[in-house]
């Protein structure tokens, strides 16, 4: 039986999971992205979460590829954003 690999202290699952979204969007700096990839390569728990999140995003993107936002909804969102920007 193979022993699980121990991770260096900088590999913290809680911290990794807070950066997972940015990693999947390709928004992490190169060093942080490399650190995340190493973590996902070594941590089965985070790897499973990352795999699920990536599949969910891919599916959501495929399903929504041809969809457009109805104009009334677009106007409501714009109004809410403007209200939030004005502090109201």
PDB file of N, CA and C in Angstrom:
ATOM      1  N   UNK A   1       0.841  -1.181   0.000  1.00  0.00           N
ATOM      2  CA  UNK A   1       0.000   0.000   0.000  1.00  0.00           C
ATOM      3  C   UNK A   1       0.885   1.243   0.000  1.00  0.00           C
ATOM      4  N   UNK A   2       0.547   2.210  -0.828  1.00  0.00           N
ATOM      5  CA  UNK A   2       1.335   3.437  -0.938  1.00  0.00           C
ATOM      6  C   UNK A   2       0.859   4.437   0.104  1.00  0.00           C
ATOM      7  N   UNK A   3       1.794   5.061   0.778  1.00  0.00           N
ATOM      8  CA  UNK A   3       1.459   6.092   1.767  1.00  0.00           C
ATOM      9  C   UNK A   3       1.062   7.363   1.039  1.00  0.00           C
ATOM     10  N   UNK A   4       0.058   8.088   1.563  1.00  0.00           N
ATOM     11  CA  UNK A   4      -0.282   9.372   0.925  1.00  0.00           C
ATOM     12  C   UNK A   4       0.877  10.338   1.035  1.00  0.00           C
ATOM     13  N   UNK A   5       1.067  11.107   0.004  1.00  0.00           N
ATOM     14  CA  UNK A   5       2.136  12.111   0.026  1.00  0.00           C
ATOM     15  C   UNK A   5       1.765  13.221   0.985  1.00  0.00           C
ATOM     16  N   UNK A   6       2.726  13.631   1.765  1.00  0.00           N
ATOM     17  CA  UNK A   6       2.468  14.770   2.648  1.00  0.00           C
ATOM     18  C   UNK A   6       2.786  16.041   1.888  1.00  0.00           C
ATOM     19  N   UNK A   7       2.006  17.046   2.154  1.00  0.00           N
ATOM     20  CA  UNK A   7       2.158  18.312   1.459  1.00  0.00           C
ATOM     21  C   UNK A   7       2.978  19.271   2.296  1.00  0.00           C
ATOM     22  N   UNK A   8       3.790  20.081   1.654  1.00  0.00           N
ATOM     23  CA  UNK A   8       4.511  21.123   2.385  1.00  0.00           C
ATOM     24  C   UNK A   8       3.518  22.058   3.049  1.00  0.00           C
ATOM     25  N   UNK A   9       3.930  22.766   4.102  1.00  0.00           N
ATOM     26  CA  UNK A   9       3.001  23.626   4.847  1.00  0.00           C
ATOM     27  C   UNK A   9       2.310  24.698   4.018  1.00  0.00           C
ATOM     28  N   UNK A  10       2.902  25.163   2.905  1.00  0.00           N
ATOM     29  CA  UNK A  10       2.249  26.222   2.139  1.00  0.00           C
ATOM     30  C   UNK A  10       1.003  25.712   1.402  1.00  0.00           C
ATOM     31  N   UNK A  11       0.809  24.408   1.382  1.00  0.00           N
ATOM     32  CA  UNK A  11      -0.376  23.845   0.744  1.00  0.00           C
ATOM     33  C   UNK A  11      -1.473  23.707   1.790  1.00  0.00           C
ATOM     34  N   UNK A  12      -2.293  24.710   1.893  1.00  0.00           N
ATOM     35  CA  UNK A  12      -3.383  24.741   2.851  1.00  0.00           C
ATOM     36  C   UNK A  12      -4.680  24.628   2.065  1.00  0.00           C
ATOM     37  N   UNK A  13      -5.483  23.605   2.358  1.00  0.00           N
ATOM     38  CA  UNK A  13      -6.705  23.382   1.584  1.00  0.00           C
ATOM     39  C   UNK A  13      -7.659  24.567   1.656  1.00  0.00           C
ATOM     40  N   UNK A  14      -7.822  25.146   2.830  1.00  0.00           N
ATOM     41  CA  UNK A  14      -8.744  26.280   2.962  1.00  0.00           C
ATOM     42  C   UNK A  14      -8.301  27.436   2.072  1.00  0.00           C
ATOM     43  N   UNK A  15      -7.015  27.729   2.077  1.00  0.00           N
ATOM     44  CA  UNK A  15      -6.494  28.810   1.231  1.00  0.00           C
ATOM     45  C   UNK A  15      -6.614  28.437  -0.243  1.00  0.00           C
ATOM     46  N   UNK A  16      -6.330  27.185  -0.568  1.00  0.00           N
ATOM     47  CA  UNK A  16      -6.417  26.745  -1.961  1.00  0.00           C
ATOM     48  C   UNK A  16      -7.847  26.887  -2.477  1.00  0.00           C
ATOM     49  N   UNK A  17      -8.808  26.501  -1.655  1.00  0.00           N
ATOM     50  CA  UNK A  17     -10.197  26.562  -2.105  1.00  0.00           C
ATOM     51  C   UNK A  17     -10.696  27.993  -2.258  1.00  0.00           C
ATOM     52  N   UNK A  18     -10.125  28.934  -1.512  1.00  0.00           N
ATOM     53  CA  UNK A  18     -10.531  30.331  -1.700  1.00  0.00           C
ATOM     54  C   UNK A  18      -9.985  30.883  -3.018  1.00  0.00           C
ATOM     55  N   UNK A  19      -8.908  30.293  -3.530  1.00  0.00           N
ATOM     56  CA  UNK A  19      -8.317  30.739  -4.794  1.00  0.00           C
ATOM     57  C   UNK A  19      -8.763  29.904  -5.987  1.00  0.00           C
ATOM     58  N   UNK A  20      -9.537  28.855  -5.733  1.00  0.00           N
ATOM     59  CA  UNK A  20      -9.909  27.930  -6.806  1.00  0.00           C
ATOM     60  C   UNK A  20     -10.678  28.626  -7.928  1.00  0.00           C
ATOM     61  N   UNK A  21     -11.613  29.485  -7.576  1.00  0.00           N
ATOM     62  CA  UNK A  21     -12.414  30.179  -8.591  1.00  0.00           C
ATOM     63  C   UNK A  21     -11.521  31.005  -9.518  1.00  0.00           C
ATOM     64  N   UNK A  22     -10.615  31.774  -8.947  1.00  0.00           N
ATOM     65  CA  UNK A  22      -9.698  32.588  -9.761  1.00  0.00           C
ATOM     66  C   UNK A  22      -8.794  31.688 -10.604  1.00  0.00           C
ATOM     67  N   UNK A  23      -8.374  30.561 -10.044  1.00  0.00           N
ATOM     68  CA  UNK A  23      -7.530  29.612 -10.780  1.00  0.00           C
ATOM     69  C   UNK A  23      -8.278  29.085 -12.007  1.00  0.00           C
ATOM     70  N   UNK A  24      -9.521  28.677 -11.810  1.00  0.00           N
ATOM     71  CA  UNK A  24     -10.300  28.120 -12.920  1.00  0.00           C
ATOM     72  C   UNK A  24     -10.599  29.159 -13.996  1.00  0.00           C
ATOM     73  N   UNK A  25     -10.691  30.429 -13.608  1.00  0.00           N
ATOM     74  CA  UNK A  25     -10.900  31.503 -14.588  1.00  0.00           C
ATOM     75  C   UNK A  25      -9.594  31.944 -15.239  1.00  0.00           C
ATOM     76  N   UNK A  26      -8.453  31.407 -14.775  1.00  0.00           N
ATOM     77  CA  UNK A  26      -7.155  31.792 -15.331  1.00  0.00           C
ATOM     78  C   UNK A  26      -6.702  33.157 -14.862  1.00  0.00           C
ATOM     79  N   UNK A  27      -7.144  33.570 -13.668  1.00  0.00           N
ATOM     80  CA  UNK A  27      -6.855  34.914 -13.178  1.00  0.00           C
ATOM     81  C   UNK A  27      -5.765  34.963 -12.111  1.00  0.00           C
ATOM     82  N   UNK A  28      -5.180  33.832 -11.761  1.00  0.00           N
ATOM     83  CA  UNK A  28      -4.097  33.849 -10.771  1.00  0.00           C
ATOM     84  C   UNK A  28      -2.775  34.188 -11.438  1.00  0.00           C
ATOM     85  N   UNK A  29      -1.916  34.898 -10.732  1.00  0.00           N
ATOM     86  CA  UNK A  29      -0.562  35.107 -11.253  1.00  0.00           C
ATOM     87  C   UNK A  29       0.118  33.747 -11.448  1.00  0.00           C
ATOM     88  N   UNK A  30       1.091  33.696 -12.321  1.00  0.00           N
ATOM     89  CA  UNK A  30       1.733  32.436 -12.691  1.00  0.00           C
ATOM     90  C   UNK A  30       2.214  31.646 -11.483  1.00  0.00           C
ATOM     91  N   UNK A  31       2.879  32.305 -10.545  1.00  0.00           N
ATOM     92  CA  UNK A  31       3.407  31.594  -9.368  1.00  0.00           C
ATOM     93  C   UNK A  31       2.283  30.982  -8.538  1.00  0.00           C
ATOM     94  N   UNK A  32       1.208  31.737  -8.340  1.00  0.00           N
ATOM     95  CA  UNK A  32       0.062  31.230  -7.571  1.00  0.00           C
ATOM     96  C   UNK A  32      -0.641  30.105  -8.331  1.00  0.00           C
ATOM     97  N   UNK A  33      -0.735  30.229  -9.644  1.00  0.00           N
ATOM     98  CA  UNK A  33      -1.361  29.180 -10.453  1.00  0.00           C
ATOM     99  C   UNK A  33      -0.545  27.895 -10.393  1.00  0.00           C
ATOM    100  N   UNK A  34       0.777  28.026 -10.432  1.00  0.00           N
ATOM    101  CA  UNK A  34       1.643  26.851 -10.310  1.00  0.00           C
ATOM    102  C   UNK A  34       1.479  26.198  -8.949  1.00  0.00           C
ATOM    103  N   UNK A  35       1.407  27.020  -7.897  1.00  0.00           N
ATOM    104  CA  UNK A  35       1.224  26.499  -6.542  1.00  0.00           C
ATOM    105  C   UNK A  35      -0.119  25.770  -6.446  1.00  0.00           C
ATOM    106  N   UNK A  36      -1.153  26.355  -7.029  1.00  0.00           N
ATOM    107  CA  UNK A  36      -2.470  25.725  -7.010  1.00  0.00           C
ATOM    108  C   UNK A  36      -2.448  24.406  -7.761  1.00  0.00           C
ATOM    109  N   UNK A  37      -1.828  24.386  -8.926  1.00  0.00           N
ATOM    110  CA  UNK A  37      -1.781  23.146  -9.707  1.00  0.00           C
ATOM    111  C   UNK A  37      -1.037  22.059  -8.949  1.00  0.00           C
ATOM    112  N   UNK A  38       0.063  22.409  -8.298  1.00  0.00           N
ATOM    113  CA  UNK A  38       0.788  21.421  -7.478  1.00  0.00           C
ATOM    114  C   UNK A  38      -0.110  20.901  -6.360  1.00  0.00           C
ATOM    115  N   UNK A  39      -0.863  21.806  -5.745  1.00  0.00           N
ATOM    116  CA  UNK A  39      -1.757  21.381  -4.674  1.00  0.00           C
ATOM    117  C   UNK A  39      -2.810  20.412  -5.212  1.00  0.00           C
ATOM    118  N   UNK A  40      -3.420  20.762  -6.334  1.00  0.00           N
ATOM    119  CA  UNK A  40      -4.445  19.893  -6.914  1.00  0.00           C
ATOM    120  C   UNK A  40      -3.860  18.545  -7.335  1.00  0.00           C
ATOM    121  N   UNK A  41      -2.599  18.545  -7.748  1.00  0.00           N
ATOM    122  CA  UNK A  41      -1.935  17.297  -8.130  1.00  0.00           C
ATOM    123  C   UNK A  41      -1.671  16.394  -6.930  1.00  0.00           C
ATOM    124  N   UNK A  42      -1.579  16.972  -5.741  1.00  0.00           N
ATOM    125  CA  UNK A  42      -1.225  16.204  -4.551  1.00  0.00           C
ATOM    126  C   UNK A  42      -2.377  15.980  -3.581  1.00  0.00           C
ATOM    127  N   UNK A  43      -3.423  16.763  -3.666  1.00  0.00           N
ATOM    128  CA  UNK A  43      -4.518  16.695  -2.692  1.00  0.00           C
ATOM    129  C   UNK A  43      -5.774  16.148  -3.375  1.00  0.00           C
ATOM    130  N   UNK A  44      -6.119  14.917  -3.060  1.00  0.00           N
ATOM    131  CA  UNK A  44      -7.266  14.272  -3.690  1.00  0.00           C
ATOM    132  C   UNK A  44      -8.565  15.021  -3.412  1.00  0.00           C
ATOM    133  N   UNK A  45      -8.734  15.499  -2.197  1.00  0.00           N
ATOM    134  CA  UNK A  45      -9.954  16.230  -1.827  1.00  0.00           C
ATOM    135  C   UNK A  45     -10.129  17.476  -2.703  1.00  0.00           C
ATOM    136  N   UNK A  46      -9.116  18.316  -2.765  1.00  0.00           N
ATOM    137  CA  UNK A  46      -9.201  19.541  -3.562  1.00  0.00           C
ATOM    138  C   UNK A  46      -9.255  19.231  -5.051  1.00  0.00           C
ATOM    139  N   UNK A  47      -8.574  18.178  -5.462  1.00  0.00           N
ATOM    140  CA  UNK A  47      -8.611  17.765  -6.869  1.00  0.00           C
ATOM    141  C   UNK A  47     -10.048  17.420  -7.274  1.00  0.00           C
ATOM    142  N   UNK A  48     -10.764  16.692  -6.411  1.00  0.00           N
ATOM    143  CA  UNK A  48     -12.146  16.328  -6.715  1.00  0.00           C
ATOM    144  C   UNK A  48     -13.029  17.569  -6.795  1.00  0.00           C
ATOM    145  N   UNK A  49     -12.838  18.494  -5.881  1.00  0.00           N
ATOM    146  CA  UNK A  49     -13.618  19.730  -5.911  1.00  0.00           C
ATOM    147  C   UNK A  49     -13.312  20.524  -7.182  1.00  0.00           C
ATOM    148  N   UNK A  50     -12.025  20.622  -7.525  1.00  0.00           N
ATOM    149  CA  UNK A  50     -11.622  21.341  -8.733  1.00  0.00           C
ATOM    150  C   UNK A  50     -12.190  20.705  -9.988  1.00  0.00           C
ATOM    151  N   UNK A  51     -12.179  19.382 -10.037  1.00  0.00           N
ATOM    152  CA  UNK A  51     -12.731  18.667 -11.193  1.00  0.00           C
ATOM    153  C   UNK A  51     -14.226  18.932 -11.327  1.00  0.00           C
ATOM    154  N   UNK A  52     -14.940  18.873 -10.206  1.00  0.00           N
ATOM    155  CA  UNK A  52     -16.379  19.150 -10.213  1.00  0.00           C
ATOM    156  C   UNK A  52     -16.648  20.586 -10.660  1.00  0.00           C
ATOM    157  N   UNK A  53     -15.920  21.538 -10.073  1.00  0.00           N
ATOM    158  CA  UNK A  53     -16.128  22.950 -10.416  1.00  0.00           C
ATOM    159  C   UNK A  53     -15.855  23.211 -11.890  1.00  0.00           C
ATOM    160  N   UNK A  54     -14.787  22.629 -12.410  1.00  0.00           N
ATOM    161  CA  UNK A  54     -14.452  22.821 -13.833  1.00  0.00           C
ATOM    162  C   UNK A  54     -15.549  22.231 -14.720  1.00  0.00           C
ATOM    163  N   UNK A  55     -16.035  21.033 -14.393  1.00  0.00           N
ATOM    164  CA  UNK A  55     -17.099  20.408 -15.179  1.00  0.00           C
ATOM    165  C   UNK A  55     -18.379  21.238 -15.100  1.00  0.00           C
ATOM    166  N   UNK A  56     -18.691  21.760 -13.913  1.00  0.00           N
ATOM    167  CA  UNK A  56     -19.882  22.595 -13.746  1.00  0.00           C
ATOM    168  C   UNK A  56     -19.780  23.849 -14.609  1.00  0.00           C
ATOM    169  N   UNK A  57     -18.636  24.510 -14.579  1.00  0.00           N
ATOM    170  CA  UNK A  57     -18.433  25.722 -15.377  1.00  0.00           C
ATOM    171  C   UNK A  57     -18.530  25.429 -16.866  1.00  0.00           C
ATOM    172  N   UNK A  58     -17.901  24.326 -17.289  1.00  0.00           N
ATOM    173  CA  UNK A  58     -17.948  23.957 -18.704  1.00  0.00           C
ATOM    174  C   UNK A  58     -19.389  23.701 -19.149  1.00  0.00           C
ATOM    175  N   UNK A  59     -20.140  22.983 -18.328  1.00  0.00           N
ATOM    176  CA  UNK A  59     -21.535  22.672 -18.654  1.00  0.00           C
ATOM    177  C   UNK A  59     -22.374  23.957 -18.691  1.00  0.00           C
ATOM    178  N   UNK A  60     -22.191  24.800 -17.704  1.00  0.00           N
ATOM    179  CA  UNK A  60     -22.929  26.056 -17.653  1.00  0.00           C
ATOM    180  C   UNK A  60     -22.633  26.919 -18.881  1.00  0.00           C
ATOM    181  N   UNK A  61     -21.387  26.935 -19.284  1.00  0.00           N
ATOM    182  CA  UNK A  61     -21.009  27.719 -20.455  1.00  0.00           C
ATOM    183  C   UNK A  61     -21.638  27.152 -21.730  1.00  0.00           C
ATOM    184  N   UNK A  62     -21.645  25.823 -21.853  1.00  0.00           N
ATOM    185  CA  UNK A  62     -22.259  25.207 -23.041  1.00  0.00           C
ATOM    186  C   UNK A  62     -23.761  25.459 -23.080  1.00  0.00           C
ATOM    187  N   UNK A  63     -24.426  25.295 -21.943  1.00  0.00           N
ATOM    188  CA  UNK A  63     -25.875  25.466 -21.884  1.00  0.00           C
ATOM    189  C   UNK A  63     -26.262  26.918 -22.162  1.00  0.00           C
ATOM    190  N   UNK A  64     -25.493  27.846 -21.645  1.00  0.00           N
ATOM    191  CA  UNK A  64     -25.834  29.254 -21.794  1.00  0.00           C
ATOM    192  C   UNK A  64     -25.238  29.927 -23.009  1.00  0.00           C
ATOM    193  N   UNK A  65     -24.563  29.174 -23.854  1.00  0.00           N
ATOM    194  CA  UNK A  65     -23.849  29.771 -24.986  1.00  0.00           C
ATOM    195  C   UNK A  65     -24.763  30.561 -25.913  1.00  0.00           C
ATOM    196  N   UNK A  66     -25.951  30.075 -26.174  1.00  0.00           N
ATOM    197  CA  UNK A  66     -26.834  30.758 -27.106  1.00  0.00           C
ATOM    198  C   UNK A  66     -27.879  31.631 -26.437  1.00  0.00           C
ATOM    199  N   UNK A  67     -27.883  31.642 -25.123  1.00  0.00           N
ATOM    200  CA  UNK A  67     -28.917  32.384 -24.400  1.00  0.00           C
ATOM    201  C   UNK A  67     -28.574  33.867 -24.329  1.00  0.00           C
ATOM    202  N   UNK A  68     -29.618  34.675 -24.318  1.00  0.00           N
ATOM    203  CA  UNK A  68     -29.402  36.103 -24.114  1.00  0.00           C
ATOM    204  C   UNK A  68     -30.313  36.563 -22.989  1.00  0.00           C
ATOM    205  N   UNK A  69     -29.921  37.607 -22.372  1.00  0.00           N
ATOM    206  CA  UNK A  69     -30.655  38.166 -21.246  1.00  0.00           C
ATOM    207  C   UNK A  69     -31.823  39.001 -21.785  1.00  0.00           C
ATOM    208  N   UNK A  70     -33.049  38.727 -21.325  1.00  0.00           N
ATOM    209  CA  UNK A  70     -34.184  39.550 -21.772  1.00  0.00           C
ATOM    210  C   UNK A  70     -33.983  41.010 -21.378  1.00  0.00           C
ATOM    211  N   UNK A  71     -34.430  41.908 -22.206  1.00  0.00           N
ATOM    212  CA  UNK A  71     -34.211  43.339 -21.974  1.00  0.00           C
ATOM    213  C   UNK A  71     -34.754  43.823 -20.630  1.00  0.00           C
ATOM    214  N   UNK A  72     -35.947  43.405 -20.182  1.00  0.00           N
ATOM    215  CA  UNK A  72     -36.409  43.869 -18.865  1.00  0.00           C
ATOM    216  C   UNK A  72     -35.465  43.444 -17.727  1.00  0.00           C
ATOM    217  N   UNK A  73     -34.936  42.239 -17.814  1.00  0.00           N
ATOM    218  CA  UNK A  73     -33.993  41.780 -16.792  1.00  0.00           C
ATOM    219  C   UNK A  73     -32.690  42.567 -16.873  1.00  0.00           C
ATOM    220  N   UNK A  74     -32.219  42.810 -18.083  1.00  0.00           N
ATOM    221  CA  UNK A  74     -30.998  43.592 -18.279  1.00  0.00           C
ATOM    222  C   UNK A  74     -31.148  44.995 -17.674  1.00  0.00           C
ATOM    223  N   UNK A  75     -32.306  45.617 -17.896  1.00  0.00           N
ATOM    224  CA  UNK A  75     -32.562  46.957 -17.358  1.00  0.00           C
ATOM    225  C   UNK A  75     -32.631  46.930 -15.837  1.00  0.00           C
ATOM    226  N   UNK A  76     -33.256  45.901 -15.289  1.00  0.00           N
ATOM    227  CA  UNK A  76     -33.342  45.798 -13.823  1.00  0.00           C
ATOM    228  C   UNK A  76     -31.961  45.617 -13.199  1.00  0.00           C
ATOM    229  N   UNK A  77     -31.141  44.784 -13.796  1.00  0.00           N
ATOM    230  CA  UNK A  77     -29.779  44.571 -13.300  1.00  0.00           C
ATOM    231  C   UNK A  77     -28.989  45.871 -13.368  1.00  0.00           C
ATOM    232  N   UNK A  78     -29.091  46.573 -14.473  1.00  0.00           N
ATOM    233  CA  UNK A  78     -28.378  47.853 -14.624  1.00  0.00           C
ATOM    234  C   UNK A  78     -28.833  48.837 -13.572  1.00  0.00           C
ATOM    235  N   UNK A  79     -30.140  48.873 -13.304  1.00  0.00           N
ATOM    236  CA  UNK A  79     -30.647  49.809 -12.277  1.00  0.00           C
ATOM    237  C   UNK A  79     -30.133  49.428 -10.888  1.00  0.00           C
ATOM    238  N   UNK A  80     -30.109  48.142 -10.580  1.00  0.00           N
ATOM    239  CA  UNK A  80     -29.603  47.697  -9.278  1.00  0.00           C
ATOM    240  C   UNK A  80     -28.105  47.994  -9.136  1.00  0.00           C
ATOM    241  N   UNK A  81     -27.371  47.809 -10.205  1.00  0.00           N
ATOM    242  CA  UNK A  81     -25.938  48.126 -10.178  1.00  0.00           C
ATOM    243  C   UNK A  81     -25.713  49.624  -9.970  1.00  0.00           C
ATOM    244  N   UNK A  82     -26.494  50.416 -10.666  1.00  0.00           N
ATOM    245  CA  UNK A  82     -26.364  51.885 -10.521  1.00  0.00           C
ATOM    246  C   UNK A  82     -26.745  52.301  -9.109  1.00  0.00           C
ATOM    247  N   UNK A  83     -27.779  51.693  -8.559  1.00  0.00           N
ATOM    248  CA  UNK A  83     -28.207  52.004  -7.199  1.00  0.00           C
ATOM    249  C   UNK A  83     -27.110  51.634  -6.198  1.00  0.00           C
ATOM    250  N   UNK A  84     -26.501  50.468  -6.406  1.00  0.00           N
ATOM    251  CA  UNK A  84     -25.424  50.024  -5.527  1.00  0.00           C
ATOM    252  C   UNK A  84     -24.201  50.921  -5.637  1.00  0.00           C
ATOM    253  N   UNK A  85     -23.895  51.408  -6.836  1.00  0.00           N
ATOM    254  CA  UNK A  85     -22.741  52.273  -7.044  1.00  0.00           C
ATOM    255  C   UNK A  85     -22.949  53.645  -6.391  1.00  0.00           C
ATOM    256  N   UNK A  86     -24.206  54.056  -6.312  1.00  0.00           N
ATOM    257  CA  UNK A  86     -24.476  55.371  -5.728  1.00  0.00           C
ATOM    258  C   UNK A  86     -24.624  55.297  -4.206  1.00  0.00           C
ATOM    259  N   UNK A  87     -24.496  54.072  -3.654  1.00  0.00           N
ATOM    260  CA  UNK A  87     -24.587  53.903  -2.215  1.00  0.00           C
ATOM    261  C   UNK A  87     -25.998  53.805  -1.704  1.00  0.00           C
ATOM    262  N   UNK A  88     -26.952  53.650  -2.585  1.00  0.00           N
ATOM    263  CA  UNK A  88     -28.365  53.621  -2.196  1.00  0.00           C
ATOM    264  C   UNK A  88     -28.888  52.312  -1.886  1.00  0.00           C
TER     265      UNK A  88
END
